[in-house]
């Protein structure tokens, strides 16, 4: 199984509680994946291979709590139902350490769930990927 996942999210948090301590709002994004599934065995005539590709919009919710200027705890979730073709869910939570206003180091945990079907065949894929990750956050 080889899977490439990409996403571009726009987080809009117009609602504030306290003096810039807690913000919440919406996530709009473009998500996609490319999966290649291969079955390897000793008999070359039994080789099986299938590829799933998908790009779709995603919507969700975001919550940030800023106990200090340099530290943010966040929760974010987005996804979409693709009707008969399946669904997608991306949820993450963690901390952002911001040495500068527009840049942050992200330490978090993510859970991705995918379901993909092709109605004109017997092909079906469903998988969950979860675990810690590190990244960067650039805001503008």
Protein backbone atom coordinates (compact mmCIF):
# COMPACT_ATOMS: atom_id res chain seq x y z
CA UNK A 1 0.00 0.00 0.00
CA UNK A 2 1.41 3.36 -1.01
CA UNK A 3 -0.61 6.43 -0.10
CA UNK A 4 0.03 10.13 -0.65
CA UNK A 5 -2.26 12.56 1.16
CA UNK A 6 -2.38 16.32 0.71
CA UNK A 7 -4.56 19.12 1.98
CA UNK A 8 -4.83 22.87 1.93
CA UNK A 9 -7.07 24.36 4.64
CA UNK A 10 -8.30 27.87 5.27
CA UNK A 11 -9.20 28.37 8.94
CA UNK A 12 -11.55 31.28 9.65
CA UNK A 13 -12.14 31.93 13.37
CA UNK A 14 -14.37 35.00 13.76
CA UNK A 15 -15.67 34.09 17.22
CA UNK A 16 -13.66 35.03 20.33
CA UNK A 17 -14.17 34.28 24.02
CA UNK A 18 -12.21 36.47 26.42
CA UNK A 19 -9.51 38.83 25.30
CA UNK A 20 -8.08 36.79 22.40
CA UNK A 21 -7.81 33.75 24.70
CA UNK A 22 -10.13 31.36 22.85
CA UNK A 23 -11.17 31.47 19.19
CA UNK A 24 -13.39 29.17 17.20
CA UNK A 25 -14.74 29.03 13.71
CA UNK A 26 -14.75 27.14 10.43
CA UNK A 27 -12.41 25.16 8.22
CA UNK A 28 -12.72 25.15 4.43
CA UNK A 29 -10.27 23.08 2.49
CA UNK A 30 -9.23 21.05 -0.49
CA UNK A 31 -8.12 17.52 0.36
CA UNK A 32 -6.99 14.64 -1.77
CA UNK A 33 -5.16 11.37 -1.86
CA UNK A 34 -3.54 8.99 -4.27
CA UNK A 35 -3.38 5.34 -3.24
CA UNK A 36 -1.74 2.44 -4.98
CA UNK A 37 -2.51 -1.04 -3.71
CA UNK A 38 -0.50 -4.01 -4.96
CA UNK A 39 -0.62 -7.68 -4.10
CA UNK A 40 2.76 -9.33 -4.49
CA UNK A 41 3.12 -13.10 -4.61
CA UNK A 42 5.26 -15.82 -6.17
CA UNK A 43 2.93 -16.45 -9.14
CA UNK A 44 3.33 -13.56 -11.61
CA UNK A 45 0.03 -14.32 -13.36
CA UNK A 46 -1.85 -13.60 -10.09
CA UNK A 47 -0.54 -10.06 -9.72
CA UNK A 48 -3.27 -7.68 -8.51
CA UNK A 49 -3.06 -3.89 -8.58
CA UNK A 50 -5.56 -1.06 -8.02
CA UNK A 51 -5.23 2.71 -7.81
CA UNK A 52 -7.60 5.12 -6.04
CA UNK A 53 -7.29 8.86 -6.72
CA UNK A 54 -9.57 11.51 -5.27
CA UNK A 55 -9.67 15.30 -4.76
CA UNK A 56 -12.57 16.93 -2.93
CA UNK A 57 -13.61 19.92 -0.82
CA UNK A 58 -13.79 19.58 2.97
CA UNK A 59 -15.59 21.56 5.68
CA UNK A 60 -15.20 21.49 9.45
CA UNK A 61 -14.65 23.28 12.76
CA UNK A 62 -11.58 24.72 14.51
CA UNK A 63 -10.89 25.75 18.11
CA UNK A 64 -7.77 27.52 19.45
CA UNK A 65 -6.94 28.29 23.08
CA UNK A 66 -4.04 30.72 23.63
CA UNK A 67 -2.84 30.62 27.25
CA UNK A 68 0.16 32.76 26.19
CA UNK A 69 1.44 34.70 23.20
CA UNK A 70 3.82 31.90 22.18
CA UNK A 71 1.72 28.82 22.93
CA UNK A 72 -1.60 27.59 21.42
CA UNK A 73 -3.61 24.44 22.06
CA UNK A 74 -5.78 23.54 19.07
CA UNK A 75 -8.44 21.13 17.85
CA UNK A 76 -9.46 20.92 14.22
CA UNK A 77 -11.66 18.54 12.28
CA UNK A 78 -12.89 18.48 8.70
CA UNK A 79 -14.25 16.06 6.19
CA UNK A 80 -16.87 15.37 3.60
CA UNK A 81 -19.26 12.71 2.47
CA UNK A 82 -18.77 11.78 -1.16
CA UNK A 83 -22.18 10.16 -1.50
CA UNK A 84 -22.03 6.65 -2.91
CA UNK A 85 -18.28 7.04 -3.54
CA UNK A 86 -17.35 7.08 0.17
CA UNK A 87 -16.26 9.61 2.79
CA UNK A 88 -13.22 11.26 4.36
CA UNK A 89 -12.48 12.54 7.90
CA UNK A 90 -9.38 14.44 9.09
CA UNK A 91 -9.16 15.29 12.82
CA UNK A 92 -6.16 16.65 14.69
CA UNK A 93 -5.26 18.23 17.99
CA UNK A 94 -2.08 19.44 19.59
CA UNK A 95 0.07 22.44 20.42
CA UNK A 96 1.61 25.22 18.35
CA UNK A 97 4.75 26.96 19.55
CA UNK A 98 5.02 30.40 17.92
CA UNK A 99 8.44 32.09 18.05
CA UNK A 100 7.10 34.66 15.52
CA UNK A 101 3.56 35.90 14.91
CA UNK A 102 3.08 34.30 11.46
CA UNK A 103 5.06 31.08 12.05
CA UNK A 104 4.54 28.14 14.41
CA UNK A 105 6.02 24.73 15.08
CA UNK A 106 3.21 22.16 15.37
CA UNK A 107 3.33 19.05 17.58
CA UNK A 108 0.08 17.13 17.33
CA UNK A 109 -1.85 13.92 16.85
CA UNK A 110 -3.89 13.21 13.71
CA UNK A 111 -6.50 10.67 12.70
CA UNK A 112 -7.38 10.22 9.03
CA UNK A 113 -10.20 7.98 7.91
CA UNK A 114 -10.93 7.21 4.29
CA UNK A 115 -13.58 5.19 2.53
CA UNK A 116 -13.61 4.87 -1.22
CA UNK A 117 -15.85 2.83 -3.50
CA UNK A 118 -16.22 2.54 -7.23
CA UNK A 119 -19.85 1.84 -8.04
CA UNK A 120 -19.13 0.22 -11.39
CA UNK A 121 -16.79 -2.43 -9.97
CA UNK A 122 -16.06 -4.56 -6.92
CA UNK A 123 -13.25 -2.24 -5.81
CA UNK A 124 -13.53 -0.91 -2.27
CA UNK A 125 -11.04 0.68 0.09
CA UNK A 126 -11.35 1.75 3.70
CA UNK A 127 -8.48 2.62 6.00
CA UNK A 128 -7.55 4.60 9.08
CA UNK A 129 -4.19 6.27 9.64
CA UNK A 130 -3.43 7.75 13.06
CA UNK A 131 -0.47 8.93 15.06
CA UNK A 132 1.69 11.84 16.18
CA UNK A 133 3.18 14.31 13.71
CA UNK A 134 5.30 17.45 13.62
CA UNK A 135 5.00 20.29 11.13
CA UNK A 136 4.94 24.01 10.58
CA UNK A 137 2.05 26.47 10.42
CA UNK A 138 2.33 29.63 8.34
CA UNK A 139 -0.38 32.25 8.80
CA UNK A 140 -1.04 35.22 6.59
